[in-house]
């Protein structure tokens, strides 16, 4: 696997790209490690033009000169892909949730095709609501316990189902 060969080093944009790629593969633990490396603090005196120079300055721009805004945006994209992945007909909740994120919430996420998603989770439950605007139908899928809920187009639909923390950070097919 090429991603495994690339390891945990790299510049800010490379760490963000690898984190997003691991999130898409459902590997929350590895994606989290890359985000952690991307956010490691760097002092201005430590900066050198090196290919393994990930990290951020105290004011948050990434530390690979020149400042790479794509790494900052990539961090946000990777984090979102760890929590929700969506296309026109399917929304997958918490597809790459690492063990460290035992509880949390995500509000106002815009969905492809129109709609918004609010989701909260803790050790035992995933719950929230989805508002669909222009879809014929959308499937809401929780990858950890293979729960599938079908939604029709239209008003707010609320959902709640058990969380299986033993699957945190693992891909379940």
N, C-alpha and C. Protein backbone atom coordinates (compact mmCIF):
# COMPACT_ATOMS: atom_id res chain seq x y z
N UNK A 1 0.83 -1.17 0.00
CA UNK A 1 0.00 0.00 0.00
C UNK A 1 0.88 1.24 0.00
N UNK A 2 0.67 2.12 -0.96
CA UNK A 2 1.47 3.32 -1.11
C UNK A 2 1.34 4.25 0.09
N UNK A 3 0.13 4.39 0.63
CA UNK A 3 -0.05 5.27 1.79
C UNK A 3 0.78 4.79 2.98
N UNK A 4 0.83 3.50 3.20
CA UNK A 4 1.65 2.97 4.31
C UNK A 4 3.13 3.25 4.06
N UNK A 5 3.58 3.13 2.82
CA UNK A 5 4.98 3.40 2.49
C UNK A 5 5.34 4.86 2.74
N UNK A 6 4.41 5.76 2.53
CA UNK A 6 4.68 7.19 2.72
C UNK A 6 4.84 7.56 4.18
N UNK A 7 4.31 6.74 5.08
CA UNK A 7 4.52 6.95 6.50
C UNK A 7 3.87 8.20 7.06
N UNK A 8 4.39 8.65 8.20
CA UNK A 8 3.78 9.75 8.95
C UNK A 8 4.56 11.05 8.82
N UNK A 9 5.49 11.12 7.90
CA UNK A 9 6.23 12.37 7.72
C UNK A 9 5.71 13.07 6.47
N UNK A 10 6.04 14.32 6.36
CA UNK A 10 5.66 15.08 5.18
C UNK A 10 5.42 16.52 5.53
N UNK A 11 5.25 17.31 4.51
CA UNK A 11 4.91 18.71 4.69
C UNK A 11 3.45 18.80 5.09
N UNK A 12 3.01 20.00 5.43
CA UNK A 12 1.64 20.17 5.90
C UNK A 12 0.60 19.66 4.92
N UNK A 13 0.71 20.06 3.64
CA UNK A 13 -0.30 19.64 2.67
C UNK A 13 -0.27 18.13 2.49
N UNK A 14 0.90 17.51 2.55
CA UNK A 14 1.00 16.06 2.37
C UNK A 14 0.36 15.33 3.56
N UNK A 15 0.57 15.84 4.76
CA UNK A 15 -0.06 15.23 5.93
C UNK A 15 -1.58 15.34 5.85
N UNK A 16 -2.08 16.49 5.41
CA UNK A 16 -3.53 16.67 5.27
C UNK A 16 -4.08 15.73 4.21
N UNK A 17 -3.39 15.61 3.09
CA UNK A 17 -3.83 14.72 2.01
C UNK A 17 -3.87 13.27 2.49
N UNK A 18 -2.82 12.85 3.20
CA UNK A 18 -2.78 11.46 3.70
C UNK A 18 -3.86 11.23 4.75
N UNK A 19 -4.12 12.22 5.62
CA UNK A 19 -5.18 12.08 6.62
C UNK A 19 -6.53 11.90 5.93
N UNK A 20 -6.79 12.71 4.91
CA UNK A 20 -8.06 12.60 4.18
C UNK A 20 -8.17 11.26 3.46
N UNK A 21 -7.09 10.81 2.89
CA UNK A 21 -7.09 9.51 2.20
C UNK A 21 -7.38 8.37 3.18
N UNK A 22 -6.73 8.40 4.35
CA UNK A 22 -6.99 7.37 5.36
C UNK A 22 -8.42 7.44 5.88
N UNK A 23 -8.96 8.65 6.00
CA UNK A 23 -10.35 8.80 6.43
C UNK A 23 -11.29 8.17 5.40
N UNK A 24 -11.03 8.39 4.12
CA UNK A 24 -11.85 7.80 3.06
C UNK A 24 -11.79 6.28 3.08
N UNK A 25 -10.68 5.74 3.56
CA UNK A 25 -10.53 4.29 3.68
C UNK A 25 -11.10 3.76 4.99
N UNK A 26 -11.63 4.65 5.84
CA UNK A 26 -12.24 4.23 7.09
C UNK A 26 -11.25 3.95 8.20
N UNK A 27 -10.04 4.43 8.06
CA UNK A 27 -8.99 4.16 9.05
C UNK A 27 -8.80 5.37 9.96
N UNK A 28 -9.68 5.49 10.95
CA UNK A 28 -9.67 6.64 11.84
C UNK A 28 -8.40 6.80 12.65
N UNK A 29 -7.85 5.70 13.11
CA UNK A 29 -6.64 5.78 13.94
C UNK A 29 -5.48 6.37 13.16
N UNK A 30 -5.29 5.93 11.93
CA UNK A 30 -4.17 6.43 11.12
C UNK A 30 -4.43 7.87 10.69
N UNK A 31 -5.67 8.18 10.30
CA UNK A 31 -6.02 9.55 9.91
C UNK A 31 -5.76 10.50 11.07
N UNK A 32 -6.16 10.09 12.28
CA UNK A 32 -5.95 10.91 13.47
C UNK A 32 -4.46 11.15 13.71
N UNK A 33 -3.63 10.15 13.52
CA UNK A 33 -2.18 10.30 13.70
C UNK A 33 -1.62 11.36 12.75
N UNK A 34 -2.10 11.38 11.52
CA UNK A 34 -1.64 12.38 10.55
C UNK A 34 -2.11 13.79 10.93
N UNK A 35 -3.34 13.90 11.40
CA UNK A 35 -3.82 15.22 11.83
C UNK A 35 -3.04 15.70 13.05
N UNK A 36 -2.71 14.78 13.94
CA UNK A 36 -1.93 15.13 15.12
C UNK A 36 -0.54 15.64 14.69
N UNK A 37 0.09 14.96 13.73
CA UNK A 37 1.40 15.40 13.24
C UNK A 37 1.30 16.76 12.56
N UNK A 38 0.22 16.98 11.83
CA UNK A 38 0.03 18.26 11.15
C UNK A 38 -0.10 19.40 12.15
N UNK A 39 -0.71 19.14 13.30
CA UNK A 39 -0.93 20.20 14.30
C UNK A 39 0.17 20.28 15.36
N UNK A 40 1.27 19.56 15.18
CA UNK A 40 2.33 19.66 16.17
C UNK A 40 2.94 21.06 16.14
N UNK A 41 3.15 21.66 17.30
CA UNK A 41 3.66 23.04 17.36
C UNK A 41 5.09 23.15 16.83
N UNK A 42 5.36 24.23 16.10
CA UNK A 42 6.68 24.51 15.57
C UNK A 42 7.02 25.96 15.90
N UNK A 43 8.22 26.19 16.39
CA UNK A 43 8.68 27.56 16.65
C UNK A 43 9.27 28.14 15.38
N UNK A 44 9.18 29.43 15.21
CA UNK A 44 9.68 30.08 14.00
C UNK A 44 11.17 29.79 13.80
N UNK A 45 11.92 29.57 14.87
CA UNK A 45 13.35 29.30 14.75
C UNK A 45 13.64 27.89 14.27
N UNK A 46 12.62 27.00 14.26
CA UNK A 46 12.83 25.61 13.86
C UNK A 46 12.57 25.36 12.38
N UNK A 47 12.09 26.34 11.65
CA UNK A 47 11.66 26.13 10.29
C UNK A 47 12.83 25.99 9.33
N UNK A 48 12.82 24.91 8.60
CA UNK A 48 13.78 24.70 7.52
C UNK A 48 12.98 24.15 6.35
N UNK A 49 13.49 24.34 5.16
CA UNK A 49 12.82 23.79 3.98
C UNK A 49 13.15 22.31 3.93
N UNK A 50 12.29 21.49 4.51
CA UNK A 50 12.51 20.04 4.56
C UNK A 50 11.22 19.33 4.20
N UNK A 51 11.32 18.17 3.62
CA UNK A 51 10.15 17.44 3.18
C UNK A 51 9.40 16.77 4.33
N UNK A 52 9.98 16.75 5.51
CA UNK A 52 9.27 16.17 6.65
C UNK A 52 8.94 17.25 7.67
N UNK A 53 8.70 18.46 7.20
CA UNK A 53 8.51 19.60 8.09
C UNK A 53 7.07 19.94 8.40
N UNK A 54 6.25 18.97 8.76
CA UNK A 54 4.88 19.28 9.15
C UNK A 54 4.84 20.07 10.44
N UNK A 55 3.68 20.53 10.79
CA UNK A 55 3.50 21.29 12.02
C UNK A 55 2.90 22.64 11.73
N UNK A 56 2.57 23.36 12.81
CA UNK A 56 1.97 24.69 12.69
C UNK A 56 2.67 25.67 13.60
N UNK A 57 2.67 26.94 13.17
CA UNK A 57 3.16 28.02 14.01
C UNK A 57 2.12 28.29 15.10
N UNK A 58 2.49 29.02 16.17
CA UNK A 58 1.52 29.30 17.23
C UNK A 58 0.24 29.99 16.75
N UNK A 59 0.31 30.76 15.66
CA UNK A 59 -0.88 31.43 15.15
C UNK A 59 -1.61 30.58 14.10
N UNK A 60 -1.25 29.32 13.96
CA UNK A 60 -1.91 28.26 13.20
C UNK A 60 -1.58 28.10 11.70
N UNK A 61 -0.88 29.01 11.01
CA UNK A 61 -0.50 28.65 9.64
C UNK A 61 0.48 27.49 9.67
N UNK A 62 0.44 26.67 8.66
CA UNK A 62 1.36 25.53 8.62
C UNK A 62 2.79 26.03 8.43
N UNK A 63 3.74 25.25 8.93
CA UNK A 63 5.11 25.72 9.09
C UNK A 63 6.04 25.41 7.92
N UNK A 64 5.57 24.83 6.87
CA UNK A 64 6.46 24.57 5.72
C UNK A 64 6.51 25.83 4.87
N UNK A 65 7.67 26.50 4.79
CA UNK A 65 7.71 27.77 4.07
C UNK A 65 7.54 27.56 2.57
N UNK A 66 6.87 28.43 1.88
CA UNK A 66 6.05 29.48 2.46
C UNK A 66 4.80 28.88 3.08
N UNK A 67 4.12 29.67 3.90
CA UNK A 67 2.92 29.15 4.57
C UNK A 67 1.99 28.51 3.53
N UNK A 68 1.49 27.32 3.85
CA UNK A 68 0.65 26.57 2.91
C UNK A 68 -0.79 26.59 3.38
N UNK A 69 -1.61 27.42 2.79
CA UNK A 69 -3.02 27.48 3.18
C UNK A 69 -3.73 26.19 2.80
N UNK A 70 -3.22 25.49 1.78
CA UNK A 70 -3.87 24.23 1.40
C UNK A 70 -3.78 23.20 2.51
N UNK A 71 -2.75 23.25 3.33
CA UNK A 71 -2.67 22.33 4.47
C UNK A 71 -3.72 22.67 5.51
N UNK A 72 -3.94 23.96 5.74
CA UNK A 72 -4.97 24.36 6.70
C UNK A 72 -6.35 23.95 6.23
N UNK A 73 -6.66 24.20 4.95
CA UNK A 73 -7.95 23.77 4.41
C UNK A 73 -8.04 22.24 4.36
N UNK A 74 -6.93 21.60 4.02
CA UNK A 74 -6.91 20.13 3.96
C UNK A 74 -7.17 19.50 5.31
N UNK A 75 -6.68 20.13 6.38
CA UNK A 75 -6.95 19.64 7.73
C UNK A 75 -8.46 19.60 7.97
N UNK A 76 -9.14 20.70 7.66
CA UNK A 76 -10.59 20.76 7.87
C UNK A 76 -11.31 19.71 7.02
N UNK A 77 -10.88 19.53 5.79
CA UNK A 77 -11.51 18.54 4.90
C UNK A 77 -11.30 17.12 5.43
N UNK A 78 -10.10 16.82 5.91
CA UNK A 78 -9.81 15.49 6.45
C UNK A 78 -10.63 15.23 7.71
N UNK A 79 -10.70 16.22 8.58
CA UNK A 79 -11.48 16.07 9.81
C UNK A 79 -12.95 15.80 9.48
N UNK A 80 -13.51 16.54 8.54
CA UNK A 80 -14.90 16.33 8.16
C UNK A 80 -15.10 14.94 7.56
N UNK A 81 -14.16 14.47 6.74
CA UNK A 81 -14.29 13.13 6.17
C UNK A 81 -14.20 12.04 7.23
N UNK A 82 -13.57 12.32 8.34
CA UNK A 82 -13.54 11.34 9.43
C UNK A 82 -14.91 11.23 10.10
N UNK A 83 -15.70 12.30 10.05
CA UNK A 83 -16.98 12.34 10.75
C UNK A 83 -18.18 12.08 9.86
N UNK A 84 -18.13 12.47 8.60
CA UNK A 84 -19.25 12.24 7.69
C UNK A 84 -18.73 12.22 6.25
N UNK A 85 -19.22 11.27 5.49
CA UNK A 85 -18.93 11.19 4.06
C UNK A 85 -20.27 11.08 3.35
N UNK A 86 -20.44 11.87 2.30
CA UNK A 86 -21.75 11.93 1.66
C UNK A 86 -21.62 12.08 0.16
N UNK A 87 -22.64 11.56 -0.53
CA UNK A 87 -22.82 11.83 -1.95
C UNK A 87 -24.30 12.10 -2.16
N UNK A 88 -24.77 12.12 -3.39
CA UNK A 88 -26.16 12.48 -3.68
C UNK A 88 -27.19 11.55 -3.03
N UNK A 89 -26.82 10.29 -2.78
CA UNK A 89 -27.83 9.33 -2.31
C UNK A 89 -27.50 8.67 -0.97
N UNK A 90 -26.33 8.94 -0.41
CA UNK A 90 -25.94 8.23 0.81
C UNK A 90 -25.14 9.15 1.72
N UNK A 91 -25.41 9.05 3.01
CA UNK A 91 -24.65 9.76 4.03
C UNK A 91 -24.11 8.72 5.00
N UNK A 92 -22.80 8.68 5.18
CA UNK A 92 -22.17 7.73 6.10
C UNK A 92 -21.69 8.51 7.32
N UNK A 93 -22.22 8.15 8.49
CA UNK A 93 -21.86 8.81 9.74
C UNK A 93 -20.67 8.14 10.40
N UNK A 94 -19.76 8.95 10.89
CA UNK A 94 -18.61 8.51 11.69
C UNK A 94 -17.83 7.37 11.02
N UNK A 95 -17.49 7.51 9.74
CA UNK A 95 -16.83 6.41 9.03
C UNK A 95 -15.40 6.15 9.47
N UNK A 96 -14.75 7.12 10.08
CA UNK A 96 -13.36 6.95 10.49
C UNK A 96 -13.14 7.62 11.85
N UNK A 97 -14.01 7.30 12.78
CA UNK A 97 -13.95 7.91 14.11
C UNK A 97 -12.85 7.26 14.94
N UNK A 98 -11.84 8.04 15.36
CA UNK A 98 -10.78 7.46 16.20
C UNK A 98 -11.25 7.28 17.64
N UNK A 99 -10.62 6.40 18.36
CA UNK A 99 -10.96 6.13 19.77
C UNK A 99 -10.90 7.39 20.64
N UNK A 100 -10.00 8.29 20.29
CA UNK A 100 -9.81 9.49 21.11
C UNK A 100 -11.03 10.41 21.10
N UNK A 101 -11.86 10.32 20.09
CA UNK A 101 -13.04 11.17 19.99
C UNK A 101 -14.26 10.42 20.52
N UNK A 102 -14.29 10.18 21.82
CA UNK A 102 -15.32 9.39 22.47
C UNK A 102 -16.70 10.05 22.34
N UNK A 103 -16.73 11.37 22.38
CA UNK A 103 -17.99 12.08 22.21
C UNK A 103 -17.74 13.33 21.40
N UNK A 104 -18.81 13.82 20.79
CA UNK A 104 -18.66 15.03 20.00
C UNK A 104 -19.95 15.40 19.29
N UNK A 105 -19.87 16.47 18.54
CA UNK A 105 -21.03 16.95 17.80
C UNK A 105 -20.57 17.68 16.55
N UNK A 106 -21.43 17.64 15.57
CA UNK A 106 -21.20 18.30 14.30
C UNK A 106 -22.53 18.91 13.89
N UNK A 107 -22.54 20.21 13.60
CA UNK A 107 -23.82 20.87 13.30
C UNK A 107 -23.73 21.68 12.01
N UNK A 108 -24.82 21.62 11.24
CA UNK A 108 -24.95 22.46 10.05
C UNK A 108 -24.13 22.02 8.86
N UNK A 109 -23.77 20.76 8.77
CA UNK A 109 -22.99 20.28 7.63
C UNK A 109 -23.90 20.26 6.39
N UNK A 110 -23.46 20.93 5.35
CA UNK A 110 -24.21 20.93 4.08
C UNK A 110 -23.96 19.61 3.36
N UNK A 111 -25.02 19.02 2.84
CA UNK A 111 -24.94 17.75 2.15
C UNK A 111 -25.00 17.95 0.63
N UNK A 112 -24.31 17.11 -0.13
CA UNK A 112 -24.41 17.20 -1.59
C UNK A 112 -25.86 17.04 -2.03
N UNK A 113 -26.29 17.84 -2.97
CA UNK A 113 -27.66 17.75 -3.46
C UNK A 113 -28.65 18.56 -2.65
N UNK A 114 -28.21 19.15 -1.56
CA UNK A 114 -29.08 20.00 -0.74
C UNK A 114 -29.51 19.33 0.54
N UNK A 115 -29.35 20.01 1.61
CA UNK A 115 -29.75 19.51 2.92
C UNK A 115 -28.67 19.79 3.94
N UNK A 116 -29.02 19.59 5.19
CA UNK A 116 -28.06 19.79 6.28
C UNK A 116 -28.12 18.61 7.24
N UNK A 117 -27.04 18.45 7.98
CA UNK A 117 -26.92 17.35 8.93
C UNK A 117 -26.41 17.88 10.25
N UNK A 118 -27.05 17.46 11.33
CA UNK A 118 -26.57 17.66 12.69
C UNK A 118 -26.42 16.27 13.29
N UNK A 119 -25.30 16.00 13.92
CA UNK A 119 -25.09 14.70 14.55
C UNK A 119 -24.33 14.88 15.85
N UNK A 120 -24.69 14.09 16.85
CA UNK A 120 -23.98 14.03 18.13
C UNK A 120 -23.73 12.57 18.45
N UNK A 121 -22.64 12.30 19.13
CA UNK A 121 -22.36 10.94 19.53
C UNK A 121 -21.68 10.93 20.88
N UNK A 122 -21.82 9.80 21.55
CA UNK A 122 -21.08 9.53 22.78
C UNK A 122 -20.75 8.05 22.77
N UNK A 123 -20.36 7.51 23.90
CA UNK A 123 -19.96 6.11 23.95
C UNK A 123 -21.08 5.14 23.64
N UNK A 124 -22.32 5.57 23.80
CA UNK A 124 -23.43 4.63 23.65
C UNK A 124 -24.39 4.93 22.50
N UNK A 125 -24.49 6.18 22.06
CA UNK A 125 -25.54 6.55 21.12
C UNK A 125 -25.05 7.52 20.06
N UNK A 126 -25.62 7.39 18.88
CA UNK A 126 -25.47 8.38 17.81
C UNK A 126 -26.87 8.92 17.55
N UNK A 127 -27.02 10.24 17.57
CA UNK A 127 -28.34 10.80 17.28
C UNK A 127 -28.18 12.16 16.61
N UNK A 128 -29.27 12.61 16.00
CA UNK A 128 -29.23 13.90 15.34
C UNK A 128 -30.42 14.07 14.43
N UNK A 129 -30.25 14.95 13.45
CA UNK A 129 -31.33 15.18 12.50
C UNK A 129 -30.73 15.53 11.14
N UNK A 130 -31.48 15.20 10.12
CA UNK A 130 -31.09 15.55 8.76
C UNK A 130 -32.27 16.25 8.10
N UNK A 131 -31.99 17.33 7.40
CA UNK A 131 -33.01 18.06 6.66
C UNK A 131 -32.66 17.95 5.18
N UNK A 132 -33.54 17.37 4.41
CA UNK A 132 -33.30 17.18 2.98
C UNK A 132 -34.09 18.20 2.19
N UNK A 133 -33.48 18.72 1.14
CA UNK A 133 -34.14 19.75 0.35
C UNK A 133 -34.67 19.24 -0.98
N UNK A 134 -33.85 18.52 -1.74
CA UNK A 134 -34.26 18.21 -3.10
C UNK A 134 -33.97 16.77 -3.51
N UNK A 135 -33.92 15.86 -2.59
CA UNK A 135 -33.58 14.48 -2.93
C UNK A 135 -34.83 13.62 -3.02
N UNK A 136 -34.77 12.62 -3.88
CA UNK A 136 -35.87 11.66 -3.91
C UNK A 136 -35.79 10.75 -2.69
N UNK A 137 -34.61 10.26 -2.39
CA UNK A 137 -34.41 9.51 -1.16
C UNK A 137 -32.93 9.52 -0.83
N UNK A 138 -32.64 9.42 0.44
CA UNK A 138 -31.26 9.40 0.90
C UNK A 138 -31.14 8.32 1.95
N UNK A 139 -30.04 7.58 1.88
CA UNK A 139 -29.79 6.56 2.89
C UNK A 139 -28.80 7.13 3.90
N UNK A 140 -29.14 7.01 5.17
CA UNK A 140 -28.25 7.40 6.25
C UNK A 140 -27.67 6.11 6.82
N UNK A 141 -26.36 6.03 6.86
CA UNK A 141 -25.69 4.79 7.18
C UNK A 141 -24.66 5.03 8.26
N UNK A 142 -24.71 4.22 9.32
CA UNK A 142 -23.69 4.29 10.37
C UNK A 142 -22.79 3.10 10.19
N UNK A 143 -21.56 3.36 9.79
CA UNK A 143 -20.65 2.29 9.39
C UNK A 143 -20.26 1.37 10.55
N UNK A 144 -20.18 1.91 11.77
CA UNK A 144 -19.70 1.10 12.89
C UNK A 144 -20.58 -0.09 13.20
N UNK A 145 -21.89 0.10 13.17
CA UNK A 145 -22.75 -1.05 13.50
C UNK A 145 -23.67 -1.43 12.35
N UNK A 146 -23.31 -0.99 11.14
CA UNK A 146 -24.02 -1.38 9.92
C UNK A 146 -25.49 -0.99 9.92
N UNK A 147 -25.84 0.06 10.65
CA UNK A 147 -27.22 0.53 10.70
C UNK A 147 -27.52 1.33 9.44
N UNK A 148 -28.63 1.02 8.80
CA UNK A 148 -29.05 1.72 7.61
C UNK A 148 -30.46 2.24 7.82
N UNK A 149 -30.65 3.54 7.61
CA UNK A 149 -31.96 4.15 7.77
C UNK A 149 -32.27 4.88 6.48
N UNK A 150 -33.45 4.64 5.90
CA UNK A 150 -33.83 5.33 4.67
C UNK A 150 -34.64 6.57 5.01
N UNK A 151 -34.36 7.66 4.32
CA UNK A 151 -35.10 8.90 4.49
C UNK A 151 -35.78 9.26 3.18
N UNK A 152 -36.94 9.82 3.26
CA UNK A 152 -37.60 10.38 2.09
C UNK A 152 -37.24 11.85 1.97
N UNK A 153 -37.43 12.42 0.80
CA UNK A 153 -37.18 13.83 0.60
C UNK A 153 -38.11 14.66 1.47
N UNK A 154 -37.61 15.76 1.96
CA UNK A 154 -38.51 16.67 2.62
C UNK A 154 -38.08 17.14 3.97
N UNK A 155 -38.99 17.07 4.92
CA UNK A 155 -38.78 17.74 6.20
C UNK A 155 -37.69 17.07 7.03
N UNK A 156 -37.53 17.64 8.19
CA UNK A 156 -36.52 17.15 9.13
C UNK A 156 -36.85 15.72 9.57
N UNK A 157 -35.85 14.90 9.52
CA UNK A 157 -35.96 13.52 10.02
C UNK A 157 -34.96 13.38 11.15
N UNK A 158 -35.42 12.86 12.29
CA UNK A 158 -34.52 12.64 13.42
C UNK A 158 -34.11 11.18 13.45
N UNK A 159 -32.92 10.91 13.98
CA UNK A 159 -32.43 9.54 14.06
C UNK A 159 -31.70 9.33 15.37
N UNK A 160 -31.66 8.09 15.80
CA UNK A 160 -30.93 7.71 17.00
C UNK A 160 -30.70 6.21 16.93
N UNK A 161 -29.50 5.78 17.20
CA UNK A 161 -29.21 4.35 17.24
C UNK A 161 -27.98 4.10 18.10
N UNK A 162 -27.80 2.85 18.55
CA UNK A 162 -26.69 2.55 19.46
C UNK A 162 -25.32 2.67 18.78
N UNK A 163 -24.37 3.11 19.53
CA UNK A 163 -22.98 3.21 19.09
C UNK A 163 -22.25 1.98 19.59
N UNK A 164 -21.33 1.47 18.80
CA UNK A 164 -20.53 0.33 19.21
C UNK A 164 -19.08 0.79 19.33
N UNK A 165 -18.63 1.22 20.52
CA UNK A 165 -17.30 1.79 20.66
C UNK A 165 -16.16 0.81 20.36
N UNK A 166 -16.43 -0.48 20.34
CA UNK A 166 -15.35 -1.42 20.03
C UNK A 166 -14.93 -1.30 18.58
N UNK A 167 -15.74 -0.63 17.75
CA UNK A 167 -15.39 -0.46 16.34
C UNK A 167 -14.72 0.87 16.05
N UNK A 168 -14.53 1.74 17.07
CA UNK A 168 -13.90 3.03 16.83
C UNK A 168 -12.57 2.83 16.12
N UNK A 169 -12.34 3.59 15.08
CA UNK A 169 -11.07 3.56 14.40
C UNK A 169 -10.87 2.36 13.49
N UNK A 170 -11.90 1.54 13.28
CA UNK A 170 -11.77 0.35 12.45
C UNK A 170 -12.74 0.43 11.29
N UNK A 171 -12.40 -0.20 10.21
CA UNK A 171 -13.30 -0.28 9.08
C UNK A 171 -14.16 -1.53 9.24
N UNK A 172 -15.45 -1.38 9.12
CA UNK A 172 -16.37 -2.51 9.15
C UNK A 172 -17.04 -2.58 7.80
N UNK A 173 -16.93 -3.69 7.14
CA UNK A 173 -17.52 -3.83 5.80
C UNK A 173 -18.76 -4.67 5.88
